[in-house]
Amino acid sequence: NAVFVKSIDDLGFINEKELIEKFWPNGIQPQTEQPIIDID
């Protein structure tokens, strides 16, 4: 068990509010950039 949780970098050991900050900085969901279309 000890080896496994370390091997996958188990995120359950991070406080959930800190985890949210990791995913959504300042509580704001990141936005996928607009696609760029090029026609030659």
PDB file of all heavy atoms in Angstrom:
ATOM      1  N   ASN A   1       0.829  -1.204   0.000  1.00  0.00           N
ATOM      2  CA  ASN A   1       0.000   0.000   0.000  1.00  0.00           C
ATOM      3  C   ASN A   1       0.864   1.254   0.000  1.00  0.00           C
ATOM      4  O   ASN A   1       0.607   2.189  -0.767  1.00  0.00           O
ATOM      5  CB  ASN A   1      -0.920   0.005   1.224  1.00  0.00           C
ATOM      6  CG  ASN A   1      -1.722   1.285   1.326  1.00  0.00           C
ATOM      7  OD1 ASN A   1      -2.586   1.558   0.514  1.00  0.00           O
ATOM      8  ND2 ASN A   1      -1.409   2.094   2.339  1.00  0.00           N
ATOM      9  N   ALA A   2       1.889   1.280   0.853  1.00  0.00           N
ATOM     10  CA  ALA A   2       2.758   2.457   0.938  1.00  0.00           C
ATOM     11  C   ALA A   2       3.470   2.722  -0.389  1.00  0.00           C
ATOM     12  O   ALA A   2       3.573   3.869  -0.834  1.00  0.00           O
ATOM     13  CB  ALA A   2       3.779   2.258   2.065  1.00  0.00           C
ATOM     14  N   VAL A   3       3.933   1.665  -1.022  1.00  0.00           N
ATOM     15  CA  VAL A   3       4.623   1.808  -2.304  1.00  0.00           C
ATOM     16  C   VAL A   3       3.665   2.299  -3.384  1.00  0.00           C
ATOM     17  O   VAL A   3       3.999   3.178  -4.184  1.00  0.00           O
ATOM     18  CB  VAL A   3       5.265   0.463  -2.723  1.00  0.00           C
ATOM     19  CG1 VAL A   3       5.758   0.510  -4.169  1.00  0.00           C
ATOM     20  CG2 VAL A   3       6.414   0.111  -1.783  1.00  0.00           C
ATOM     21  N   PHE A   4       2.448   1.751  -3.382  1.00  0.00           N
ATOM     22  CA  PHE A   4       1.499   2.099  -4.437  1.00  0.00           C
ATOM     23  C   PHE A   4       1.065   3.553  -4.354  1.00  0.00           C
ATOM     24  O   PHE A   4       1.041   4.258  -5.373  1.00  0.00           O
ATOM     25  CB  PHE A   4       0.279   1.186  -4.377  1.00  0.00           C
ATOM     26  CG  PHE A   4      -0.746   1.504  -5.421  1.00  0.00           C
ATOM     27  CD1 PHE A   4      -0.521   1.194  -6.747  1.00  0.00           C
ATOM     28  CD2 PHE A   4      -1.931   2.145  -5.079  1.00  0.00           C
ATOM     29  CE1 PHE A   4      -1.456   1.518  -7.728  1.00  0.00           C
ATOM     30  CE2 PHE A   4      -2.873   2.458  -6.043  1.00  0.00           C
ATOM     31  CZ  PHE A   4      -2.633   2.145  -7.370  1.00  0.00           C
ATOM     32  N   VAL A   5       0.674   4.032  -3.164  1.00  0.00           N
ATOM     33  CA  VAL A   5       0.186   5.414  -3.074  1.00  0.00           C
ATOM     34  C   VAL A   5       1.283   6.403  -3.467  1.00  0.00           C
ATOM     35  O   VAL A   5       1.000   7.460  -4.050  1.00  0.00           O
ATOM     36  CB  VAL A   5      -0.367   5.740  -1.666  1.00  0.00           C
ATOM     37  CG1 VAL A   5      -1.561   4.862  -1.349  1.00  0.00           C
ATOM     38  CG2 VAL A   5       0.694   5.610  -0.586  1.00  0.00           C
ATOM     39  N   LYS A   6       2.530   6.036  -3.212  1.00  0.00           N
ATOM     40  CA  LYS A   6       3.636   6.897  -3.617  1.00  0.00           C
ATOM     41  C   LYS A   6       3.849   6.831  -5.128  1.00  0.00           C
ATOM     42  O   LYS A   6       4.107   7.855  -5.776  1.00  0.00           O
ATOM     43  CB  LYS A   6       4.915   6.488  -2.879  1.00  0.00           C
ATOM     44  CG  LYS A   6       6.099   7.402  -3.155  1.00  0.00           C
ATOM     45  CD  LYS A   6       7.322   7.002  -2.325  1.00  0.00           C
ATOM     46  CE  LYS A   6       8.490   7.936  -2.595  1.00  0.00           C
ATOM     47  NZ  LYS A   6       9.694   7.545  -1.787  1.00  0.00           N
ATOM     48  N   SER A   7       3.714   5.645  -5.691  1.00  0.00           N
ATOM     49  CA  SER A   7       4.003   5.463  -7.119  1.00  0.00           C
ATOM     50  C   SER A   7       3.032   6.217  -8.011  1.00  0.00           C
ATOM     51  O   SER A   7       3.389   6.639  -9.115  1.00  0.00           O
ATOM     52  CB  SER A   7       3.992   3.973  -7.472  1.00  0.00           C
ATOM     53  OG  SER A   7       2.676   3.449  -7.443  1.00  0.00           O
ATOM     54  N   ILE A   8       1.784   6.382  -7.564  1.00  0.00           N
ATOM     55  CA  ILE A   8       0.805   7.089  -8.401  1.00  0.00           C
ATOM     56  C   ILE A   8       0.651   8.545  -7.982  1.00  0.00           C
ATOM     57  O   ILE A   8      -0.179   9.271  -8.555  1.00  0.00           O
ATOM     58  CB  ILE A   8      -0.570   6.396  -8.367  1.00  0.00           C
ATOM     59  CG1 ILE A   8      -1.198   6.457  -6.970  1.00  0.00           C
ATOM     60  CG2 ILE A   8      -0.495   4.966  -8.877  1.00  0.00           C
ATOM     61  CD1 ILE A   8      -2.671   6.103  -6.951  1.00  0.00           C
ATOM     62  N   ASP A   9       1.429   8.988  -7.012  1.00  0.00           N
ATOM     63  CA  ASP A   9       1.317  10.353  -6.491  1.00  0.00           C
ATOM     64  C   ASP A   9      -0.121  10.617  -6.056  1.00  0.00           C
ATOM     65  O   ASP A   9      -0.785  11.535  -6.527  1.00  0.00           O
ATOM     66  CB  ASP A   9       1.753  11.373  -7.549  1.00  0.00           C
ATOM     67  CG  ASP A   9       1.920  12.780  -6.970  1.00  0.00           C
ATOM     68  OD1 ASP A   9       2.069  12.892  -5.741  1.00  0.00           O
ATOM     69  OD2 ASP A   9       1.867  13.748  -7.746  1.00  0.00           O
ATOM     70  N   ASP A  10      -0.587   9.822  -5.132  1.00  0.00           N
ATOM     71  CA  ASP A  10      -1.980   9.805  -4.666  1.00  0.00           C
ATOM     72  C   ASP A  10      -2.432  11.200  -4.233  1.00  0.00           C
ATOM     73  O   ASP A  10      -1.939  11.759  -3.262  1.00  0.00           O
ATOM     74  CB  ASP A  10      -2.089   8.815  -3.505  1.00  0.00           C
ATOM     75  CG  ASP A  10      -3.512   8.521  -3.073  1.00  0.00           C
ATOM     76  OD1 ASP A  10      -4.309   9.468  -2.980  1.00  0.00           O
ATOM     77  OD2 ASP A  10      -3.820   7.346  -2.819  1.00  0.00           O
ATOM     78  N   LEU A  11      -3.417  11.761  -4.969  1.00  0.00           N
ATOM     79  CA  LEU A  11      -3.886  13.118  -4.698  1.00  0.00           C
ATOM     80  C   LEU A  11      -4.835  13.194  -3.516  1.00  0.00           C
ATOM     81  O   LEU A  11      -5.223  14.291  -3.108  1.00  0.00           O
ATOM     82  CB  LEU A  11      -4.562  13.682  -5.947  1.00  0.00           C
ATOM     83  CG  LEU A  11      -3.630  13.896  -7.145  1.00  0.00           C
ATOM     84  CD1 LEU A  11      -4.421  14.348  -8.369  1.00  0.00           C
ATOM     85  CD2 LEU A  11      -2.536  14.913  -6.818  1.00  0.00           C
ATOM     86  N   GLY A  12      -5.209  12.047  -2.963  1.00  0.00           N
ATOM     87  CA  GLY A  12      -6.034  12.052  -1.769  1.00  0.00           C
ATOM     88  C   GLY A  12      -5.310  12.590  -0.555  1.00  0.00           C
ATOM     89  O   GLY A  12      -5.940  12.898   0.463  1.00  0.00           O
ATOM     90  N   PHE A  13      -3.989  12.714  -0.635  1.00  0.00           N
ATOM     91  CA  PHE A  13      -3.210  13.237   0.473  1.00  0.00           C
ATOM     92  C   PHE A  13      -3.077  14.758   0.416  1.00  0.00           C
ATOM     93  O   PHE A  13      -2.391  15.355   1.238  1.00  0.00           O
ATOM     94  CB  PHE A  13      -1.828  12.579   0.505  1.00  0.00           C
ATOM     95  CG  PHE A  13      -1.875  11.125   0.884  1.00  0.00           C
ATOM     96  CD1 PHE A  13      -2.083  10.146  -0.077  1.00  0.00           C
ATOM     97  CD2 PHE A  13      -1.749  10.730   2.205  1.00  0.00           C
ATOM     98  CE1 PHE A  13      -2.139   8.796   0.277  1.00  0.00           C
ATOM     99  CE2 PHE A  13      -1.808   9.390   2.569  1.00  0.00           C
ATOM    100  CZ  PHE A  13      -2.006   8.425   1.602  1.00  0.00           C
ATOM    101  N   ILE A  14      -3.743  15.363  -0.577  1.00  0.00           N
ATOM    102  CA  ILE A  14      -3.775  16.819  -0.678  1.00  0.00           C
ATOM    103  C   ILE A  14      -5.120  17.309  -0.162  1.00  0.00           C
ATOM    104  O   ILE A  14      -6.166  16.784  -0.532  1.00  0.00           O
ATOM    105  CB  ILE A  14      -3.584  17.275  -2.142  1.00  0.00           C
ATOM    106  CG1 ILE A  14      -2.226  16.824  -2.669  1.00  0.00           C
ATOM    107  CG2 ILE A  14      -3.724  18.788  -2.268  1.00  0.00           C
ATOM    108  CD1 ILE A  14      -1.997  17.163  -4.132  1.00  0.00           C
ATOM    109  N   ASN A  15      -5.101  18.315   0.693  1.00  0.00           N
ATOM    110  CA  ASN A  15      -6.339  18.943   1.148  1.00  0.00           C
ATOM    111  C   ASN A  15      -7.179  19.330  -0.066  1.00  0.00           C
ATOM    112  O   ASN A  15      -6.659  19.863  -1.047  1.00  0.00           O
ATOM    113  CB  ASN A  15      -5.987  20.173   1.985  1.00  0.00           C
ATOM    114  CG  ASN A  15      -7.203  20.955   2.426  1.00  0.00           C
ATOM    115  OD1 ASN A  15      -7.788  21.705   1.642  1.00  0.00           O
ATOM    116  ND2 ASN A  15      -7.589  20.774   3.675  1.00  0.00           N
ATOM    117  N   GLU A  16      -8.496  19.087   0.005  1.00  0.00           N
ATOM    118  CA  GLU A  16      -9.315  19.293  -1.193  1.00  0.00           C
ATOM    119  C   GLU A  16      -9.322  20.740  -1.661  1.00  0.00           C
ATOM    120  O   GLU A  16      -9.331  21.011  -2.873  1.00  0.00           O
ATOM    121  CB  GLU A  16     -10.748  18.814  -0.976  1.00  0.00           C
ATOM    122  CG  GLU A  16     -11.545  18.798  -2.274  1.00  0.00           C
ATOM    123  CD  GLU A  16     -12.906  18.161  -2.151  1.00  0.00           C
ATOM    124  OE1 GLU A  16     -13.385  17.974  -1.018  1.00  0.00           O
ATOM    125  OE2 GLU A  16     -13.511  17.859  -3.205  1.00  0.00           O
ATOM    126  N   LYS A  17      -9.297  21.684  -0.751  1.00  0.00           N
ATOM    127  CA  LYS A  17      -9.260  23.089  -1.182  1.00  0.00           C
ATOM    128  C   LYS A  17      -7.958  23.396  -1.918  1.00  0.00           C
ATOM    129  O   LYS A  17      -7.943  24.168  -2.889  1.00  0.00           O
ATOM    130  CB  LYS A  17      -9.445  24.006   0.023  1.00  0.00           C
ATOM    131  CG  LYS A  17     -10.849  23.946   0.622  1.00  0.00           C
ATOM    132  CD  LYS A  17     -11.024  24.905   1.785  1.00  0.00           C
ATOM    133  CE  LYS A  17     -12.429  24.812   2.374  1.00  0.00           C
ATOM    134  NZ  LYS A  17     -12.626  25.713   3.528  1.00  0.00           N
ATOM    135  N   GLU A  18      -6.875  22.777  -1.478  1.00  0.00           N
ATOM    136  CA  GLU A  18      -5.607  22.940  -2.189  1.00  0.00           C
ATOM    137  C   GLU A  18      -5.655  22.242  -3.547  1.00  0.00           C
ATOM    138  O   GLU A  18      -5.075  22.730  -4.530  1.00  0.00           O
ATOM    139  CB  GLU A  18      -4.460  22.384  -1.348  1.00  0.00           C
ATOM    140  CG  GLU A  18      -4.222  23.145  -0.049  1.00  0.00           C
ATOM    141  CD  GLU A  18      -3.156  22.483   0.819  1.00  0.00           C
ATOM    142  OE1 GLU A  18      -2.605  21.447   0.394  1.00  0.00           O
ATOM    143  OE2 GLU A  18      -2.887  23.005   1.917  1.00  0.00           O
ATOM    144  N   LEU A  19      -6.350  21.108  -3.590  1.00  0.00           N
ATOM    145  CA  LEU A  19      -6.491  20.397  -4.860  1.00  0.00           C
ATOM    146  C   LEU A  19      -7.293  21.238  -5.860  1.00  0.00           C
ATOM    147  O   LEU A  19      -6.940  21.316  -7.046  1.00  0.00           O
ATOM    148  CB  LEU A  19      -7.191  19.053  -4.625  1.00  0.00           C
ATOM    149  CG  LEU A  19      -7.328  18.137  -5.842  1.00  0.00           C
ATOM    150  CD1 LEU A  19      -5.964  17.668  -6.329  1.00  0.00           C
ATOM    151  CD2 LEU A  19      -8.213  16.937  -5.515  1.00  0.00           C
ATOM    152  N   ILE A  20      -8.357  21.879  -5.376  1.00  0.00           N
ATOM    153  CA  ILE A  20      -9.155  22.740  -6.252  1.00  0.00           C
ATOM    154  C   ILE A  20      -8.291  23.884  -6.778  1.00  0.00           C
ATOM    155  O   ILE A  20      -8.342  24.235  -7.961  1.00  0.00           O
ATOM    156  CB  ILE A  20     -10.384  23.290  -5.503  1.00  0.00           C
ATOM    157  CG1 ILE A  20     -11.330  22.142  -5.145  1.00  0.00           C
ATOM    158  CG2 ILE A  20     -11.119  24.333  -6.348  1.00  0.00           C
ATOM    159  CD1 ILE A  20     -12.456  22.547  -4.217  1.00  0.00           C
ATOM    160  N   GLU A  21      -7.476  24.456  -5.912  1.00  0.00           N
ATOM    161  CA  GLU A  21      -6.591  25.540  -6.336  1.00  0.00           C
ATOM    162  C   GLU A  21      -5.597  25.053  -7.394  1.00  0.00           C
ATOM    163  O   GLU A  21      -5.272  25.786  -8.337  1.00  0.00           O
ATOM    164  CB  GLU A  21      -5.847  26.106  -5.125  1.00  0.00           C
ATOM    165  CG  GLU A  21      -4.911  27.260  -5.427  1.00  0.00           C
ATOM    166  CD  GLU A  21      -5.627  28.522  -5.901  1.00  0.00           C
ATOM    167  OE1 GLU A  21      -6.837  28.673  -5.627  1.00  0.00           O
ATOM    168  OE2 GLU A  21      -4.970  29.367  -6.547  1.00  0.00           O
ATOM    169  N   LYS A  22      -5.162  23.821  -7.259  1.00  0.00           N
ATOM    170  CA  LYS A  22      -4.246  23.229  -8.244  1.00  0.00           C
ATOM    171  C   LYS A  22      -4.948  23.096  -9.601  1.00  0.00           C
ATOM    172  O   LYS A  22      -4.346  23.354 -10.653  1.00  0.00           O
ATOM    173  CB  LYS A  22      -3.790  21.859  -7.729  1.00  0.00           C
ATOM    174  CG  LYS A  22      -2.973  21.002  -8.697  1.00  0.00           C
ATOM    175  CD  LYS A  22      -2.694  19.645  -8.061  1.00  0.00           C
ATOM    176  CE  LYS A  22      -2.070  18.650  -9.039  1.00  0.00           C
ATOM    177  NZ  LYS A  22      -0.662  18.974  -9.311  1.00  0.00           N
ATOM    178  N   PHE A  23      -6.215  22.675  -9.558  1.00  0.00           N
ATOM    179  CA  PHE A  23      -6.971  22.479 -10.796  1.00  0.00           C
ATOM    180  C   PHE A  23      -7.505  23.803 -11.361  1.00  0.00           C
ATOM    181  O   PHE A  23      -7.435  24.048 -12.562  1.00  0.00           O
ATOM    182  CB  PHE A  23      -8.153  21.541 -10.549  1.00  0.00           C
ATOM    183  CG  PHE A  23      -7.782  20.099 -10.344  1.00  0.00           C
ATOM    184  CD1 PHE A  23      -8.632  19.250  -9.636  1.00  0.00           C
ATOM    185  CD2 PHE A  23      -6.595  19.568 -10.846  1.00  0.00           C
ATOM    186  CE1 PHE A  23      -8.317  17.908  -9.450  1.00  0.00           C
ATOM    187  CE2 PHE A  23      -6.269  18.239 -10.663  1.00  0.00           C
ATOM    188  CZ  PHE A  23      -7.131  17.401  -9.959  1.00  0.00           C
ATOM    189  N   TRP A  24      -8.096  24.607 -10.470  1.00  0.00           N
ATOM    190  CA  TRP A  24      -8.766  25.854 -10.877  1.00  0.00           C
ATOM    191  C   TRP A  24      -8.136  27.013 -10.084  1.00  0.00           C
ATOM    192  O   TRP A  24      -8.640  27.385  -9.021  1.00  0.00           O
ATOM    193  CB  TRP A  24     -10.255  25.801 -10.560  1.00  0.00           C
ATOM    194  CG  TRP A  24     -11.078  24.898 -11.421  1.00  0.00           C
ATOM    195  CD1 TRP A  24     -10.662  23.860 -12.194  1.00  0.00           C
ATOM    196  CD2 TRP A  24     -12.491  24.971 -11.580  1.00  0.00           C
ATOM    197  NE1 TRP A  24     -11.715  23.267 -12.818  1.00  0.00           N
ATOM    198  CE2 TRP A  24     -12.864  23.927 -12.472  1.00  0.00           C
ATOM    199  CE3 TRP A  24     -13.498  25.799 -11.074  1.00  0.00           C
ATOM    200  CZ2 TRP A  24     -14.179  23.698 -12.853  1.00  0.00           C
ATOM    201  CZ3 TRP A  24     -14.804  25.579 -11.443  1.00  0.00           C
ATOM    202  CH2 TRP A  24     -15.146  24.551 -12.330  1.00  0.00           C
ATOM    203  N   PRO A  25      -7.038  27.572 -10.539  1.00  0.00           N
ATOM    204  CA  PRO A  25      -6.382  28.663  -9.801  1.00  0.00           C
ATOM    205  C   PRO A  25      -7.354  29.797  -9.488  1.00  0.00           C
ATOM    206  O   PRO A  25      -8.132  30.234 -10.341  1.00  0.00           O
ATOM    207  CB  PRO A  25      -5.283  29.124 -10.770  1.00  0.00           C
ATOM    208  CG  PRO A  25      -4.990  27.902 -11.607  1.00  0.00           C
ATOM    209  CD  PRO A  25      -6.318  27.214 -11.769  1.00  0.00           C
ATOM    210  N   ASN A  26      -7.361  30.208  -8.236  1.00  0.00           N
ATOM    211  CA  ASN A  26      -8.260  31.255  -7.739  1.00  0.00           C
ATOM    212  C   ASN A  26      -9.731  30.876  -7.901  1.00  0.00           C
ATOM    213  O   ASN A  26     -10.611  31.740  -7.957  1.00  0.00           O
ATOM    214  CB  ASN A  26      -7.985  32.589  -8.451  1.00  0.00           C
ATOM    215  CG  ASN A  26      -6.572  33.079  -8.219  1.00  0.00           C
ATOM    216  OD1 ASN A  26      -6.079  33.046  -7.083  1.00  0.00           O
ATOM    217  ND2 ASN A  26      -5.914  33.520  -9.281  1.00  0.00           N
ATOM    218  N   GLY A  27      -9.997  29.583  -7.966  1.00  0.00           N
ATOM    219  CA  GLY A  27     -11.364  29.111  -8.083  1.00  0.00           C
ATOM    220  C   GLY A  27     -11.983  29.324  -9.454  1.00  0.00           C
ATOM    221  O   GLY A  27     -13.201  29.204  -9.602  1.00  0.00           O
ATOM    222  N   ILE A  28     -11.167  29.617 -10.445  1.00  0.00           N
ATOM    223  CA  ILE A  28     -11.669  29.896 -11.794  1.00  0.00           C
ATOM    224  C   ILE A  28     -11.283  28.741 -12.723  1.00  0.00           C
ATOM    225  O   ILE A  28     -10.106  28.374 -12.814  1.00  0.00           O
ATOM    226  CB  ILE A  28     -11.104  31.217 -12.335  1.00  0.00           C
ATOM    227  CG1 ILE A  28     -11.524  32.372 -11.424  1.00  0.00           C
ATOM    228  CG2 ILE A  28     -11.579  31.455 -13.772  1.00  0.00           C
ATOM    229  CD1 ILE A  28     -10.859  33.687 -11.763  1.00  0.00           C
ATOM    230  N   GLN A  29     -12.276  28.189 -13.400  1.00  0.00           N
ATOM    231  CA  GLN A  29     -12.007  27.078 -14.311  1.00  0.00           C
ATOM    232  C   GLN A  29     -11.178  27.557 -15.492  1.00  0.00           C
ATOM    233  O   GLN A  29     -11.503  28.563 -16.127  1.00  0.00           O
ATOM    234  CB  GLN A  29     -13.312  26.463 -14.817  1.00  0.00           C
ATOM    235  CG  GLN A  29     -13.103  25.233 -15.696  1.00  0.00           C
ATOM    236  CD  GLN A  29     -14.406  24.566 -16.103  1.00  0.00           C
ATOM    237  OE1 GLN A  29     -15.460  25.188 -16.020  1.00  0.00           O
ATOM    238  NE2 GLN A  29     -14.334  23.331 -16.529  1.00  0.00           N
ATOM    239  N   PRO A  30     -10.082  26.855 -15.811  1.00  0.00           N
ATOM    240  CA  PRO A  30      -9.293  27.246 -16.980  1.00  0.00           C
ATOM    241  C   PRO A  30     -10.089  27.081 -18.266  1.00  0.00           C
ATOM    242  O   PRO A  30     -10.985  26.245 -18.353  1.00  0.00           O
ATOM    243  CB  PRO A  30      -8.086  26.308 -16.933  1.00  0.00           C
ATOM    244  CG  PRO A  30      -8.521  25.158 -16.081  1.00  0.00           C
ATOM    245  CD  PRO A  30      -9.518  25.696 -15.112  1.00  0.00           C
ATOM    246  N   GLN A  31      -9.739  27.886 -19.240  1.00  0.00           N
ATOM    247  CA  GLN A  31     -10.465  27.934 -20.508  1.00  0.00           C
ATOM    248  C   GLN A  31      -9.591  27.379 -21.621  1.00  0.00           C
ATOM    249  O   GLN A  31      -8.415  27.725 -21.733  1.00  0.00           O
ATOM    250  CB  GLN A  31     -10.839  29.376 -20.839  1.00  0.00           C
ATOM    251  CG  GLN A  31     -11.441  29.607 -22.203  1.00  0.00           C
ATOM    252  CD  GLN A  31     -12.916  29.264 -22.266  1.00  0.00           C
ATOM    253  OE1 GLN A  31     -13.690  29.690 -21.404  1.00  0.00           O
ATOM    254  NE2 GLN A  31     -13.309  28.517 -23.273  1.00  0.00           N
ATOM    255  N   THR A  32     -10.140  26.486 -22.426  1.00  0.00           N
ATOM    256  CA  THR A  32      -9.424  26.003 -23.602  1.00  0.00           C
ATOM    257  C   THR A  32      -9.296  27.141 -24.601  1.00  0.00           C
ATOM    258  O   THR A  32     -10.276  27.849 -24.887  1.00  0.00           O
ATOM    259  CB  THR A  32     -10.169  24.828 -24.263  1.00  0.00           C
ATOM    260  OG1 THR A  32     -10.476  23.852 -23.272  1.00  0.00           O
ATOM    261  CG2 THR A  32      -9.324  24.197 -25.356  1.00  0.00           C
ATOM    262  N   GLU A  33      -8.094  27.322 -25.132  1.00  0.00           N
ATOM    263  CA  GLU A  33      -7.863  28.395 -26.099  1.00  0.00           C
ATOM    264  C   GLU A  33      -8.676  28.190 -27.370  1.00  0.00           C
ATOM    265  O   GLU A  33      -9.000  27.054 -27.745  1.00  0.00           O
ATOM    266  CB  GLU A  33      -6.372  28.470 -26.463  1.00  0.00           C
ATOM    267  CG  GLU A  33      -5.463  28.865 -25.323  1.00  0.00           C
ATOM    268  CD  GLU A  33      -5.602  30.334 -24.951  1.00  0.00           C
ATOM    269  OE1 GLU A  33      -6.067  31.125 -25.800  1.00  0.00           O
ATOM    270  OE2 GLU A  33      -5.242  30.679 -23.810  1.00  0.00           O
ATOM    271  N   GLN A  34      -8.996  29.287 -28.015  1.00  0.00           N
ATOM    272  CA  GLN A  34      -9.702  29.219 -29.273  1.00  0.00           C
ATOM    273  C   GLN A  34      -8.847  28.505 -30.327  1.00  0.00           C
ATOM    274  O   GLN A  34      -7.629  28.744 -30.426  1.00  0.00           O
ATOM    275  CB  GLN A  34     -10.026  30.623 -29.792  1.00  0.00           C
ATOM    276  CG  GLN A  34     -11.174  31.294 -29.053  1.00  0.00           C
ATOM    277  CD  GLN A  34     -12.485  30.565 -29.321  1.00  0.00           C
ATOM    278  OE1 GLN A  34     -12.939  29.789 -28.482  1.00  0.00           O
ATOM    279  NE2 GLN A  34     -13.073  30.801 -30.475  1.00  0.00           N
ATOM    280  N   PRO A  35      -9.445  27.618 -31.102  1.00  0.00           N
ATOM    281  CA  PRO A  35      -8.676  26.952 -32.164  1.00  0.00           C
ATOM    282  C   PRO A  35      -8.289  27.941 -33.264  1.00  0.00           C
ATOM    283  O   PRO A  35      -8.984  28.942 -33.501  1.00  0.00           O
ATOM    284  CB  PRO A  35      -9.654  25.894 -32.681  1.00  0.00           C
ATOM    285  CG  PRO A  35     -11.010  26.416 -32.328  1.00  0.00           C
ATOM    286  CD  PRO A  35     -10.846  27.189 -31.061  1.00  0.00           C
ATOM    287  N   ILE A  36      -7.185  27.664 -33.907  1.00  0.00           N
ATOM    288  CA  ILE A  36      -6.688  28.495 -35.002  1.00  0.00           C
ATOM    289  C   ILE A  36      -6.888  27.734 -36.305  1.00  0.00           C
ATOM    290  O   ILE A  36      -6.429  26.590 -36.446  1.00  0.00           O
ATOM    291  CB  ILE A  36      -5.190  28.826 -34.804  1.00  0.00           C
ATOM    292  CG1 ILE A  36      -4.995  29.566 -33.468  1.00  0.00           C
ATOM    293  CG2 ILE A  36      -4.651  29.637 -35.978  1.00  0.00           C
ATOM    294  CD1 ILE A  36      -3.545  29.678 -33.044  1.00  0.00           C
ATOM    295  N   ILE A  37      -7.589  28.327 -37.244  1.00  0.00           N
ATOM    296  CA  ILE A  37      -7.909  27.676 -38.514  1.00  0.00           C
ATOM    297  C   ILE A  37      -7.131  28.365 -39.626  1.00  0.00           C
ATOM    298  O   ILE A  37      -7.169  29.596 -39.760  1.00  0.00           O
ATOM    299  CB  ILE A  37      -9.420  27.761 -38.816  1.00  0.00           C
ATOM    300  CG1 ILE A  37     -10.239  27.204 -37.645  1.00  0.00           C
ATOM    301  CG2 ILE A  37      -9.762  27.023 -40.108  1.00  0.00           C
ATOM    302  CD1 ILE A  37     -11.733  27.462 -37.772  1.00  0.00           C
ATOM    303  N   ASP A  38      -6.446  27.572 -40.416  1.00  0.00           N
ATOM    304  CA  ASP A  38      -5.701  28.114 -41.561  1.00  0.00           C
ATOM    305  C   ASP A  38      -6.102  27.359 -42.828  1.00  0.00           C
ATOM    306  O   ASP A  38      -6.137  26.120 -42.825  1.00  0.00           O
ATOM    307  CB  ASP A  38      -4.190  27.977 -41.338  1.00  0.00           C
ATOM    308  CG  ASP A  38      -3.391  28.540 -42.495  1.00  0.00           C
ATOM    309  OD1 ASP A  38      -3.344  29.768 -42.638  1.00  0.00           O
ATOM    310  OD2 ASP A  38      -2.826  27.726 -43.277  1.00  0.00           O
ATOM    311  N   ILE A  39      -6.433  28.086 -43.867  1.00  0.00           N
ATOM    312  CA  ILE A  39      -6.807  27.489 -45.153  1.00  0.00           C
ATOM    313  C   ILE A  39      -5.864  28.054 -46.215  1.00  0.00           C
ATOM    314  O   ILE A  39      -5.827  29.273 -46.433  1.00  0.00           O
ATOM    315  CB  ILE A  39      -8.269  27.813 -45.524  1.00  0.00           C
ATOM    316  CG1 ILE A  39      -9.209  27.413 -44.385  1.00  0.00           C
ATOM    317  CG2 ILE A  39      -8.663  27.092 -46.819  1.00  0.00           C
ATOM    318  CD1 ILE A  39     -10.651  27.823 -44.597  1.00  0.00           C
ATOM    319  N   ASP A  40      -5.092  27.180 -46.861  1.00  0.00           N
ATOM    320  CA  ASP A  40      -4.104  27.667 -47.828  1.00  0.00           C
ATOM    321  C   ASP A  40      -4.715  27.841 -49.217  1.00  0.00           C
ATOM    322  O   ASP A  40      -5.915  27.638 -49.436  1.00  0.00           O
ATOM    323  CB  ASP A  40      -2.871  26.765 -47.847  1.00  0.00           C
ATOM    324  CG  ASP A  40      -3.122  25.390 -48.462  1.00  0.00           C
ATOM    325  OD1 ASP A  40      -4.180  25.198 -49.105  1.00  0.00           O
ATOM    326  OD2 ASP A  40      -2.254  24.510 -48.317  1.00  0.00           O
TER     327      ASP A  40
END
